[in-house]
Amino acid sequence: MPEPYNHDPMIRPWDEPNRNWVAQVHPTDWKNPRPASRYNLVVIGAGTAGLVTAAGAAGLGAKVALVERRLMGGDCLNFGCVPSKALIAAARAAAAVRDAAAFGVRVPEGVQVDFGRVMERMRRLRASIAPHDSVKRFSEMGIDVFLGAGRFVDSHTVEVAGERLRFRKAVIATGARPSVPPIAGLDEVKYLTHETLFSLTELPKRLAVIGAGPIGCEMAQSFARFGAEVFLVEATHGILPREESDASGLVLESMLQDGVKLFCCGKDLKLTKADGGRVLLKVQSHGRRCEEVVDKLLVAAGRSPNVEDLGLEAAGVAYSRKGVQVDDHLRTTHPDIYAAGDICSAYPFTHAADFMARTAIRNALFFGRAKASALTIPWCTYTEPEIAHVGLYARQAAEQGIEVEAFTRELVHVDRAVLEGQTRGFVRVHVRKGGDRILGATIVARHAGEMISEIALAMTHGLGLKQIAATVHPYPTQAEAVRQLGDAYNRTRLTPFLRKVFSRWMAWRR
């Protein structure tokens, strides 16, 4: 990693929290170990997938080498989940103060956000979590940690920092980076990605965000809650295009209430320089030409897998711009090389990378036949309210010729949600028509990410709505809405014929 760190736009400011963070995940005084004659497993990339693979294999007795060219912990710790959720927590606190009057709580001074303190808190918390992914911790597990760019020189050898690591098996876990879309003028202006956003120390008065996917929506809403004027640009209609329209619509209502201005169905987007290092944004939205000058521009338009400069051709590993090619066992086109995480997955989530790594370990080291397609992977977008999903959407079921029946419980009918003023949301479960087998679910709620796991557990282990209905849930909780869907399913089983039979039975028993 180039020195000095304080010249790196991703690692600013060079204060004590950031120095502590970097000292854990890429210490300047680290000396790579002398390579073993041969490794059971070489792992390239020390993000979530790589760390889980290395730790799991070493714990099972394998001789493991872990190669990282930049920062241990990957995207999640350094530029993703950890810093973003720290900001979201601060933004929620600001919104809670703003909305306190509705609960009879007076805040005389109103909301006053010290953005510098918000970011300092984020940097401090990131540094406090960094030891979990540190060079020191993984070397103490008996793993040979090599800092430097790893590259295959043949199908059983990786070169890093002038050393050659020979292996029996390898796992590619190099992750992904922010995509830079072909926007007119983008290469002529200064812009942020999620890798540089967390280096800000001052709140921009006006912020434009390109891309209304999860990262774009989370950050647009958070910065609006901090007090910035935020413009969100999206090429399609609405936000979060992957989600069900009524679910994303509820989030959009909340974001608009927070002050986010949406330019959706955006066409003919152009960027040019403005005075003082600012950016002039021009876009056509719903037939209206919009022009705004902003202080900062955040590009949140997806991610691209890191397949470059790995020597994949020398290893006989096929790849494309979508990532490394793998089969359902996570094996690449070379039988001794596997891949896990964002480099090969349609699910760009930390928890997906974690469980894909477990699959890769079983198959690479123990002749396993575990399938990535067998994983039930939920996900969550941490807006306010959150959207969580698992399994099939109704449209996907229709494409596969599967008839489904939907059960929905609006939070306005859930006591805990009413009491907490969080009625904007719902819980919806799709079951195969004629039964209670759960095929998919969407939850829109403040803590949807916490609630979706119950449904993911049921799907993983073949439990249906009948079993959920029979499970006692504490009252009052928002999660009770999941159990209420089980009750709703049970009521469909009480057909008019059965109701008539029961009525006669009860009349006879009186």
Protein backbone atom coordinates (compact mmCIF):
# COMPACT_ATOMS: atom_id res chain seq x y z
CA MET A 1 0.00 0.00 0.00
CA PRO A 2 1.46 3.37 -0.97
CA GLU A 3 2.81 5.70 1.69
CA PRO A 4 2.05 8.03 3.24
CA TYR A 5 -1.49 7.02 4.14
CA ASN A 6 -2.61 10.59 4.73
CA HIS A 7 -2.29 11.22 0.97
CA ASP A 8 -4.82 8.48 0.22
CA PRO A 9 -8.28 9.98 -0.46
CA MET A 10 -9.91 6.91 1.10
CA ILE A 11 -8.09 7.39 4.40
CA ARG A 12 -8.70 10.93 5.59
CA PRO A 13 -8.26 12.66 7.93
CA TRP A 14 -5.02 11.21 9.27
CA ASP A 15 -6.21 11.45 12.88
CA GLU A 16 -5.83 9.04 15.78
CA PRO A 17 -8.89 6.86 14.95
CA ASN A 18 -7.77 6.42 11.36
CA ARG A 19 -4.18 5.73 12.39
CA ASN A 20 -5.45 3.04 14.79
CA TRP A 21 -7.66 1.59 12.07
CA VAL A 22 -4.91 1.33 9.48
CA ALA A 23 -2.42 0.00 12.03
CA GLN A 24 -4.70 -3.00 12.49
CA VAL A 25 -5.57 -3.79 8.89
CA HIS A 26 -2.34 -2.84 7.08
CA PRO A 27 0.47 -2.18 9.57
CA THR A 28 3.43 -0.38 8.04
CA ASP A 29 5.95 -2.45 9.94
CA TRP A 30 4.52 -5.81 8.84
CA LYS A 31 6.99 -8.25 7.32
CA ASN A 32 5.59 -11.06 5.22
CA PRO A 33 6.50 -14.53 6.52
CA ARG A 34 8.73 -16.98 4.75
CA PRO A 35 6.43 -19.08 2.53
CA ALA A 36 5.78 -22.71 3.37
CA SER A 37 6.90 -25.28 0.84
CA ARG A 38 3.25 -25.85 -0.04
CA TYR A 39 -0.12 -24.73 1.30
CA ASN A 40 -3.33 -26.65 1.60
CA LEU A 41 -5.08 -23.42 0.73
CA VAL A 42 -4.12 -19.99 -0.59
CA VAL A 43 -6.79 -17.30 -0.28
CA ILE A 44 -6.53 -14.13 -2.36
CA GLY A 45 -8.45 -11.27 -0.79
CA ALA A 46 -9.05 -10.54 2.89
CA GLY A 47 -12.60 -9.23 2.81
CA THR A 48 -15.41 -11.18 4.47
CA ALA A 49 -15.25 -14.16 2.11
CA GLY A 50 -11.47 -14.40 2.33
CA LEU A 51 -11.29 -13.99 6.10
CA VAL A 52 -13.99 -16.60 6.75
CA THR A 53 -12.36 -19.01 4.32
CA ALA A 54 -8.90 -18.58 5.85
CA ALA A 55 -10.06 -18.77 9.45
CA GLY A 56 -12.33 -21.76 8.83
CA ALA A 57 -9.68 -23.72 6.95
CA ALA A 58 -6.96 -22.96 9.52
CA GLY A 59 -9.30 -23.99 12.32
CA LEU A 60 -9.70 -27.36 10.63
CA GLY A 61 -5.93 -27.90 10.53
CA ALA A 62 -5.09 -26.66 7.04
CA LYS A 63 -1.90 -24.74 6.27
CA VAL A 64 -3.26 -21.47 4.92
CA ALA A 65 -1.83 -18.37 3.25
CA LEU A 66 -3.94 -15.21 3.09
CA VAL A 67 -3.03 -12.52 0.56
CA GLU A 68 -4.33 -8.93 0.75
CA ARG A 69 -3.12 -6.09 -1.45
CA ARG A 70 -4.78 -3.30 0.50
CA LEU A 71 -6.77 -3.32 3.76
CA MET A 72 -7.76 -6.41 5.72
CA GLY A 73 -11.50 -6.48 6.32
CA GLY A 74 -12.39 -5.58 2.77
CA ASP A 75 -15.30 -3.39 1.81
CA CYS A 76 -17.50 -4.22 4.81
CA LEU A 77 -15.20 -3.00 7.56
CA ASN A 78 -13.43 -0.24 5.72
CA PHE A 79 -15.88 1.43 3.33
CA GLY A 80 -19.18 -0.41 3.60
CA CYS A 81 -21.35 -1.86 6.34
CA VAL A 82 -19.43 -0.56 9.34
CA PRO A 83 -18.98 3.14 8.49
CA SER A 84 -22.33 3.46 6.71
CA LYS A 85 -24.33 2.01 9.59
CA ALA A 86 -22.55 4.33 12.02
CA LEU A 87 -23.74 7.27 9.93
CA ILE A 88 -27.25 5.85 9.63
CA ALA A 89 -27.44 5.50 13.43
CA ALA A 90 -26.46 9.15 13.85
CA ALA A 91 -28.99 10.22 11.22
CA ARG A 92 -31.73 8.28 13.01
CA ALA A 93 -30.82 10.03 16.25
CA ALA A 94 -31.16 13.40 14.50
CA ALA A 95 -34.55 12.40 13.08
CA ALA A 96 -35.71 11.21 16.51
CA VAL A 97 -34.93 14.63 17.97
CA ARG A 98 -36.64 16.35 15.06
CA ASP A 99 -39.78 14.26 15.49
CA ALA A 100 -39.81 14.24 19.30
CA ALA A 101 -42.69 16.73 19.55
CA ALA A 102 -45.11 14.10 18.22
CA PHE A 103 -44.42 12.11 21.40
CA GLY A 104 -44.94 15.09 23.69
CA VAL A 105 -41.22 15.67 24.11
CA ARG A 106 -40.04 19.23 23.62
CA VAL A 107 -36.53 19.94 22.34
CA PRO A 108 -36.19 23.74 22.62
CA GLU A 109 -33.07 24.11 20.48
CA GLY A 110 -34.22 21.73 17.77
CA VAL A 111 -31.83 19.56 15.77
CA GLN A 112 -28.21 20.69 15.71
CA VAL A 113 -25.97 18.17 13.98
CA ASP A 114 -22.21 18.43 14.53
CA PHE A 115 -21.17 16.60 11.38
CA GLY A 116 -17.51 16.60 12.37
CA ARG A 117 -18.37 14.76 15.57
CA VAL A 118 -20.61 12.35 13.64
CA MET A 119 -17.72 11.40 11.37
CA GLU A 120 -15.21 11.24 14.22
CA ARG A 121 -17.52 8.81 16.01
CA MET A 122 -17.71 6.68 12.86
CA ARG A 123 -13.92 6.60 12.53
CA ARG A 124 -13.50 5.74 16.21
CA LEU A 125 -16.01 2.87 16.04
CA ARG A 126 -14.47 1.52 12.85
CA ALA A 127 -11.08 1.49 14.54
CA SER A 128 -12.58 -0.33 17.55
CA ILE A 129 -13.96 -3.09 15.30
CA ALA A 130 -10.83 -3.38 13.14
CA PRO A 131 -8.99 -5.81 15.49
CA HIS A 132 -11.51 -8.53 14.52
CA ASP A 133 -10.13 -8.39 10.96
CA SER A 134 -6.55 -7.48 11.79
CA VAL A 135 -3.29 -8.88 10.50
CA LYS A 136 -2.31 -9.67 14.09
CA ARG A 137 -5.43 -11.73 14.82
CA PHE A 138 -5.20 -13.83 11.68
CA SER A 139 -1.49 -14.43 12.00
CA GLU A 140 -2.12 -15.62 15.57
CA MET A 141 -4.49 -18.23 14.11
CA GLY A 142 -1.48 -19.77 12.38
CA ILE A 143 -2.31 -18.22 9.01
CA ASP A 144 0.55 -16.86 6.91
CA VAL A 145 -0.59 -13.32 6.05
CA PHE A 146 1.01 -11.74 2.99
CA LEU A 147 0.43 -8.04 2.30
CA GLY A 148 0.81 -7.24 -1.38
CA ALA A 149 -0.85 -7.84 -4.74
CA GLY A 150 -1.32 -11.54 -5.41
CA ARG A 151 -1.19 -12.91 -8.93
CA PHE A 152 -1.40 -16.43 -10.34
CA VAL A 153 1.69 -17.45 -12.27
CA ASP A 154 0.24 -20.89 -13.00
CA SER A 155 -2.64 -23.04 -11.81
CA HIS A 156 -0.95 -23.95 -8.49
CA THR A 157 1.24 -20.93 -7.71
CA VAL A 158 0.52 -17.38 -6.58
CA GLU A 159 3.18 -14.69 -6.53
CA VAL A 160 3.06 -11.87 -3.98
CA ALA A 161 5.75 -9.33 -3.06
CA GLY A 162 8.43 -11.33 -4.84
CA GLU A 163 7.56 -14.63 -3.14
CA ARG A 164 5.87 -17.66 -4.68
CA LEU A 165 3.16 -19.51 -2.78
CA ARG A 166 2.51 -23.05 -3.99
CA PHE A 167 -0.85 -24.56 -3.14
CA ARG A 168 -3.07 -27.58 -3.44
CA LYS A 169 -6.25 -25.50 -3.54
CA ALA A 170 -7.00 -21.79 -3.83
CA VAL A 171 -9.95 -19.49 -3.24
CA ILE A 172 -10.37 -16.18 -5.06
CA ALA A 173 -12.12 -13.65 -2.83
CA THR A 174 -11.07 -10.29 -4.24
CA GLY A 175 -14.49 -8.65 -3.97
CA ALA A 176 -15.72 -5.68 -5.96
CA ARG A 177 -15.28 -1.92 -6.26
CA PRO A 178 -17.61 0.99 -7.11
CA SER A 179 -18.73 1.12 -10.73
CA VAL A 180 -18.18 4.32 -12.66
CA PRO A 181 -20.99 4.64 -15.22
CA PRO A 182 -20.53 6.39 -18.59
CA ILE A 183 -22.06 9.73 -17.63
CA ALA A 184 -21.32 12.76 -19.77
CA GLY A 185 -18.80 14.96 -17.98
CA LEU A 186 -18.17 12.63 -15.03
CA ASP A 187 -14.48 12.33 -15.86
CA GLU A 188 -14.16 16.13 -15.73
CA VAL A 189 -15.56 16.71 -12.24
CA LYS A 190 -14.68 15.64 -8.73
CA TYR A 191 -16.93 12.96 -7.30
CA LEU A 192 -17.21 10.64 -4.34
CA THR A 193 -17.89 6.91 -4.18
CA HIS A 194 -18.70 4.90 -1.09
CA GLU A 195 -14.93 4.40 -0.74
CA THR A 196 -14.21 8.13 -0.37
CA LEU A 197 -17.50 9.36 1.12
CA PHE A 198 -16.43 8.46 4.65
CA SER A 199 -13.41 10.76 4.45
CA LEU A 200 -15.64 13.84 4.57
CA THR A 201 -15.20 16.08 7.60
CA GLU A 202 -17.66 18.83 6.66
CA LEU A 203 -21.31 18.45 5.74
CA PRO A 204 -21.92 19.52 2.13
CA LYS A 205 -24.74 22.04 1.93
CA ARG A 206 -25.92 20.50 -1.32
CA LEU A 207 -25.29 16.86 -2.26
CA ALA A 208 -26.24 15.00 -5.43
CA VAL A 209 -26.44 11.21 -5.37
CA ILE A 210 -26.47 9.25 -8.62
CA GLY A 211 -28.17 5.89 -8.20
CA ALA A 212 -31.20 5.05 -6.05
CA GLY A 213 -30.11 1.57 -5.08
CA PRO A 214 -29.43 0.59 -1.45
CA ILE A 215 -26.24 2.64 -0.98
CA GLY A 216 -27.65 5.69 -2.75
CA CYS A 217 -30.89 5.66 -0.77
CA GLU A 218 -29.24 5.03 2.59
CA MET A 219 -26.78 7.86 2.18
CA ALA A 220 -29.24 10.28 0.54
CA GLN A 221 -31.64 9.93 3.46
CA SER A 222 -28.91 10.12 6.08
CA PHE A 223 -27.32 13.28 4.67
CA ALA A 224 -30.75 14.90 4.34
CA ARG A 225 -31.34 14.17 8.02
CA PHE A 226 -28.01 15.77 8.84
CA GLY A 227 -29.26 18.94 7.16
CA ALA A 228 -27.88 18.76 3.62
CA GLU A 229 -30.05 19.52 0.61
CA VAL A 230 -29.99 16.23 -1.27
CA PHE A 231 -30.83 15.49 -4.91
CA LEU A 232 -31.21 11.81 -5.80
CA VAL A 233 -30.95 10.86 -9.48
CA GLU A 234 -32.29 7.53 -10.75
CA ALA A 235 -32.67 6.30 -14.34
CA THR A 236 -35.74 4.16 -13.60
CA HIS A 237 -39.02 5.13 -11.98
CA GLY A 238 -39.00 5.54 -8.22
CA ILE A 239 -36.27 4.09 -6.01
CA LEU A 240 -34.90 0.65 -5.13
CA PRO A 241 -36.03 -0.88 -8.45
CA ARG A 242 -35.35 -4.42 -7.31
CA GLU A 243 -37.95 -4.26 -4.54
CA GLU A 244 -41.73 -4.54 -4.76
CA SER A 245 -43.15 -1.18 -5.80
CA ASP A 246 -45.41 -0.69 -2.77
CA ALA A 247 -42.49 -1.49 -0.46
CA SER A 248 -40.07 0.94 -2.12
CA GLY A 249 -42.91 3.46 -2.33
CA LEU A 250 -43.18 3.56 1.47
CA VAL A 251 -39.47 4.24 1.75
CA LEU A 252 -39.74 6.96 -0.86
CA GLU A 253 -42.51 8.65 1.15
CA SER A 254 -40.22 8.70 4.15
CA MET A 255 -37.27 10.03 2.16
CA LEU A 256 -39.34 12.81 0.64
CA GLN A 257 -40.53 13.71 4.13
CA ASP A 258 -36.88 13.95 5.16
CA GLY A 259 -36.31 16.44 2.36
CA VAL A 260 -34.69 14.32 -0.36
CA LYS A 261 -35.53 15.59 -3.85
CA LEU A 262 -35.89 12.77 -6.39
CA PHE A 263 -35.13 13.08 -10.09
CA CYS A 264 -36.33 9.69 -11.31
CA CYS A 265 -36.74 8.44 -14.88
CA GLY A 266 -33.62 10.53 -15.33
CA LYS A 267 -32.45 11.00 -18.91
CA ASP A 268 -29.70 12.94 -20.64
CA LEU A 269 -27.69 13.36 -17.44
CA LYS A 270 -24.76 15.74 -17.85
CA LEU A 271 -22.15 17.00 -15.39
CA THR A 272 -19.93 20.05 -15.71
CA LYS A 273 -17.60 22.01 -13.46
CA ALA A 274 -19.00 24.92 -11.48
CA ASP A 275 -17.29 27.63 -9.44
CA GLY A 276 -15.37 26.67 -6.33
CA GLY A 277 -14.94 23.02 -7.24
CA ARG A 278 -18.67 22.45 -7.29
CA VAL A 279 -20.62 20.46 -9.89
CA LEU A 280 -23.45 21.52 -12.19
CA LEU A 281 -25.89 18.66 -12.69
CA LYS A 282 -28.35 18.67 -15.59
CA VAL A 283 -30.97 15.94 -16.01
CA GLN A 284 -34.32 15.39 -17.69
CA SER A 285 -36.88 14.01 -15.19
CA HIS A 286 -40.47 13.28 -16.21
CA GLY A 287 -40.24 15.70 -19.10
CA ARG A 288 -38.82 18.51 -16.98
CA ARG A 289 -35.28 19.84 -17.36
CA CYS A 290 -33.60 20.11 -13.96
CA GLU A 291 -30.36 21.97 -13.22
CA GLU A 292 -28.69 22.09 -9.81
CA VAL A 293 -25.28 23.19 -8.60
CA VAL A 294 -24.03 20.94 -5.78
CA ASP A 295 -21.07 21.02 -3.44
CA LYS A 296 -20.44 17.27 -3.60
CA LEU A 297 -21.42 14.46 -5.92
CA LEU A 298 -21.77 10.84 -4.79
CA VAL A 299 -21.79 8.14 -7.46
CA ALA A 300 -23.60 5.06 -6.16
CA ALA A 301 -24.33 3.20 -9.38
CA GLY A 302 -23.39 -0.37 -8.55
CA ARG A 303 -20.17 -2.35 -8.21
CA SER A 304 -17.70 -4.10 -10.49
CA PRO A 305 -15.84 -7.32 -9.54
CA ASN A 306 -12.07 -7.10 -9.06
CA VAL A 307 -10.87 -9.50 -11.74
CA GLU A 308 -8.01 -7.42 -13.12
CA ASP A 309 -4.31 -8.16 -12.59
CA LEU A 310 -4.90 -11.55 -10.95
CA GLY A 311 -3.28 -13.66 -13.67
CA LEU A 312 -6.50 -15.62 -14.10
CA GLU A 313 -5.55 -16.64 -17.61
CA ALA A 314 -2.37 -18.29 -16.32
CA ALA A 315 -4.44 -20.24 -13.81
CA GLY A 316 -7.01 -21.38 -16.36
CA VAL A 317 -9.83 -19.48 -14.64
CA ALA A 318 -12.55 -18.05 -16.86
CA TYR A 319 -14.01 -14.66 -16.02
CA SER A 320 -15.94 -11.74 -17.48
CA ARG A 321 -16.90 -8.22 -16.44
CA LYS A 322 -19.51 -9.89 -14.22
CA GLY A 323 -16.83 -11.72 -12.25
CA VAL A 324 -15.18 -15.11 -11.97
CA GLN A 325 -17.13 -17.99 -13.50
CA VAL A 326 -18.10 -20.65 -10.96
CA ASP A 327 -20.41 -23.65 -10.83
CA ASP A 328 -22.95 -24.31 -8.09
CA HIS A 329 -20.16 -25.74 -5.91
CA LEU A 330 -18.20 -22.45 -6.26
CA ARG A 331 -15.54 -24.18 -8.33
CA THR A 332 -14.00 -22.14 -11.14
CA THR A 333 -13.06 -23.53 -14.54
CA HIS A 334 -9.94 -24.93 -12.89
CA PRO A 335 -10.90 -27.80 -10.54
CA ASP A 336 -8.43 -26.77 -7.81
CA ILE A 337 -9.47 -23.12 -7.67
CA TYR A 338 -12.67 -21.85 -6.07
CA ALA A 339 -14.20 -18.42 -5.56
CA ALA A 340 -16.49 -16.83 -2.98
CA GLY A 341 -18.08 -13.48 -2.25
CA ASP A 342 -18.68 -10.48 -4.49
CA ILE A 343 -16.17 -11.69 -7.08
CA CYS A 344 -18.65 -14.35 -8.22
CA SER A 345 -21.96 -13.76 -6.43
CA ALA A 346 -25.28 -12.24 -7.43
CA TYR A 347 -25.75 -11.35 -3.75
CA PRO A 348 -23.33 -8.54 -2.80
CA PHE A 349 -23.80 -8.88 0.95
CA THR A 350 -21.42 -9.59 3.79
CA HIS A 351 -23.52 -12.44 5.14
CA ALA A 352 -23.75 -14.00 1.68
CA ALA A 353 -19.96 -13.87 1.36
CA ASP A 354 -19.66 -15.46 4.81
CA PHE A 355 -21.79 -18.48 3.93
CA MET A 356 -20.37 -18.85 0.46
CA ALA A 357 -16.96 -19.08 2.10
CA ARG A 358 -18.19 -21.93 4.28
CA THR A 359 -19.42 -23.70 1.17
CA ALA A 360 -16.06 -23.18 -0.54
CA ILE A 361 -14.16 -24.64 2.44
CA ARG A 362 -16.26 -27.80 2.49
CA ASN A 363 -15.92 -28.36 -1.23
CA ALA A 364 -12.26 -27.40 -1.65
CA LEU A 365 -10.79 -29.25 1.33
CA PHE A 366 -13.19 -32.11 2.04
CA PHE A 367 -14.47 -33.27 -1.35
CA GLY A 368 -17.82 -31.75 -0.45
CA ARG A 369 -20.75 -31.27 -2.78
CA ALA A 370 -22.38 -28.33 -1.01
CA LYS A 371 -24.30 -26.03 -3.33
CA ALA A 372 -24.40 -22.27 -3.18
CA SER A 373 -27.95 -22.40 -4.56
CA ALA A 374 -29.03 -24.21 -1.38
CA LEU A 375 -28.36 -21.08 0.70
CA THR A 376 -31.38 -19.05 1.74
CA ILE A 377 -30.06 -15.49 1.68
CA PRO A 378 -32.05 -12.61 3.15
CA TRP A 379 -31.01 -8.99 2.70
CA CYS A 380 -31.89 -5.59 4.03
CA THR A 381 -31.65 -1.96 2.93
CA TYR A 382 -31.13 0.22 6.01
CA THR A 383 -33.27 3.17 5.09
CA GLU A 384 -36.05 4.47 7.35
CA PRO A 385 -38.10 2.33 7.25
CA GLU A 386 -35.89 -0.60 6.34
CA ILE A 387 -36.76 -3.02 3.55
CA ALA A 388 -35.82 -6.66 4.10
CA HIS A 389 -36.43 -9.51 1.68
CA VAL A 390 -35.80 -13.23 1.37
CA GLY A 391 -36.64 -15.75 -1.33
CA LEU A 392 -38.76 -15.14 -4.41
CA TYR A 393 -40.64 -12.02 -5.37
CA ALA A 394 -44.12 -12.58 -6.80
CA ARG A 395 -42.88 -11.61 -10.27
CA GLN A 396 -40.09 -14.20 -10.07
CA ALA A 397 -42.53 -16.90 -9.03
CA ALA A 398 -44.75 -16.01 -12.00
CA GLU A 399 -41.75 -16.21 -14.34
CA GLN A 400 -41.07 -19.70 -13.01
CA GLY A 401 -44.69 -20.76 -13.44
CA ILE A 402 -45.30 -21.04 -9.69
CA GLU A 403 -48.71 -20.03 -8.39
CA VAL A 404 -48.44 -18.13 -5.14
CA GLU A 405 -50.74 -16.64 -2.56
CA ALA A 406 -49.73 -13.51 -0.65
CA PHE A 407 -50.49 -12.74 3.00
CA THR A 408 -49.89 -9.15 4.08
CA ARG A 409 -50.13 -7.53 7.50
CA GLU A 410 -50.02 -3.74 7.53
CA LEU A 411 -48.16 -2.29 10.51
CA VAL A 412 -51.04 0.10 11.13
CA HIS A 413 -52.80 -2.98 12.56
CA VAL A 414 -49.85 -4.01 14.77
CA ASP A 415 -50.10 -2.60 18.29
CA ARG A 416 -46.38 -2.07 18.92
CA ALA A 417 -45.98 -0.21 15.64
CA VAL A 418 -48.92 2.03 16.49
CA LEU A 419 -47.55 2.80 19.96
CA GLU A 420 -44.13 3.71 18.58
CA GLY A 421 -45.45 5.79 15.70
CA GLN A 422 -43.96 3.40 13.13
CA THR A 423 -47.00 2.40 11.12
CA ARG A 424 -45.43 3.01 7.70
CA GLY A 425 -44.75 -0.57 6.64
CA PHE A 426 -45.99 -4.13 6.33
CA VAL A 427 -45.02 -7.79 6.51
CA ARG A 428 -45.77 -9.89 3.44
CA VAL A 429 -45.23 -13.59 2.87
CA HIS A 430 -45.68 -15.48 -0.40
CA VAL A 431 -46.63 -19.14 -0.12
CA ARG A 432 -47.15 -21.78 -2.75
CA LYS A 433 -50.85 -21.75 -3.61
CA GLY A 434 -52.76 -24.46 -1.81
CA GLY A 435 -50.23 -24.81 1.02
CA ASP A 436 -48.21 -22.93 3.60
CA ARG A 437 -44.71 -23.45 2.24
CA ILE A 438 -42.97 -20.07 2.28
CA LEU A 439 -41.40 -19.05 -1.04
CA GLY A 440 -40.48 -15.48 -0.20
CA ALA A 441 -41.16 -12.53 2.07
CA THR A 442 -40.79 -8.76 2.21
CA ILE A 443 -40.83 -6.67 5.37
CA VAL A 444 -40.98 -2.89 5.53
CA ALA A 445 -40.43 -1.70 9.09
CA ARG A 446 -37.94 0.20 11.23
CA HIS A 447 -36.23 -3.06 12.21
CA ALA A 448 -37.10 -5.17 9.18
CA GLY A 449 -33.57 -6.56 9.09
CA GLU A 450 -34.06 -8.03 12.55
CA MET A 451 -37.49 -9.45 11.68
CA ILE A 452 -36.65 -11.20 8.40
CA SER A 453 -34.44 -13.83 10.06
CA GLU A 454 -37.44 -15.67 11.50
CA ILE A 455 -38.79 -16.19 8.01
CA ALA A 456 -35.35 -17.12 6.64
CA LEU A 457 -35.05 -19.73 9.40
CA ALA A 458 -38.46 -21.16 8.51
CA MET A 459 -37.55 -21.36 4.82
CA THR A 460 -34.16 -22.94 5.50
CA HIS A 461 -35.66 -25.72 7.60
CA GLY A 462 -38.91 -26.30 5.75
CA LEU A 463 -41.24 -24.73 8.29
CA GLY A 464 -44.44 -23.15 7.04
CA LEU A 465 -46.91 -20.54 8.22
CA LYS A 466 -48.70 -23.16 10.31
CA GLN A 467 -45.59 -23.64 12.46
CA ILE A 468 -45.09 -19.89 12.76
CA ALA A 469 -48.71 -19.47 13.85
CA ALA A 470 -48.15 -22.10 16.55
CA THR A 471 -45.08 -20.30 17.92
CA VAL A 472 -45.71 -17.98 20.87
CA HIS A 473 -44.40 -14.47 20.17
CA PRO A 474 -44.03 -11.85 22.92
CA TYR A 475 -46.58 -9.04 22.99
CA PRO A 476 -46.30 -6.25 22.06
CA THR A 477 -43.66 -6.56 19.37
CA GLN A 478 -43.59 -5.68 15.70
CA ALA A 479 -42.41 -9.22 15.00
CA GLU A 480 -45.83 -10.37 16.15
CA ALA A 481 -46.98 -9.37 12.66
CA VAL A 482 -45.15 -12.43 11.32
CA ARG A 483 -47.16 -14.70 13.62
CA GLN A 484 -50.36 -12.92 12.63
CA LEU A 485 -49.71 -13.94 9.03
CA GLY A 486 -49.71 -17.53 10.24
CA ASP A 487 -53.11 -16.92 11.80
CA ALA A 488 -54.32 -15.41 8.52
CA TYR A 489 -53.22 -18.54 6.68
CA ASN A 490 -54.97 -20.80 9.20
CA ARG A 491 -58.20 -18.90 8.68
CA THR A 492 -58.11 -19.78 4.98
CA ARG A 493 -58.25 -23.44 5.96
CA LEU A 494 -61.61 -22.91 7.62
CA THR A 495 -63.74 -23.37 4.50
CA PRO A 496 -67.51 -22.69 4.50
CA PHE A 497 -68.08 -26.45 4.56
CA LEU A 498 -65.87 -26.94 7.63
CA ARG A 499 -67.44 -23.93 9.34
CA LYS A 500 -70.87 -25.51 8.77
CA VAL A 501 -69.69 -28.85 10.15
CA PHE A 502 -68.20 -27.19 13.25
CA SER A 503 -71.37 -25.17 13.81
CA ARG A 504 -73.48 -28.33 13.79
CA TRP A 505 -70.99 -30.06 16.08
CA MET A 506 -71.09 -27.19 18.56
CA ALA A 507 -74.89 -27.06 18.43
CA TRP A 508 -75.01 -30.78 19.19
CA ARG A 509 -72.58 -30.32 22.10
CA ARG A 510 -74.61 -27.52 23.78
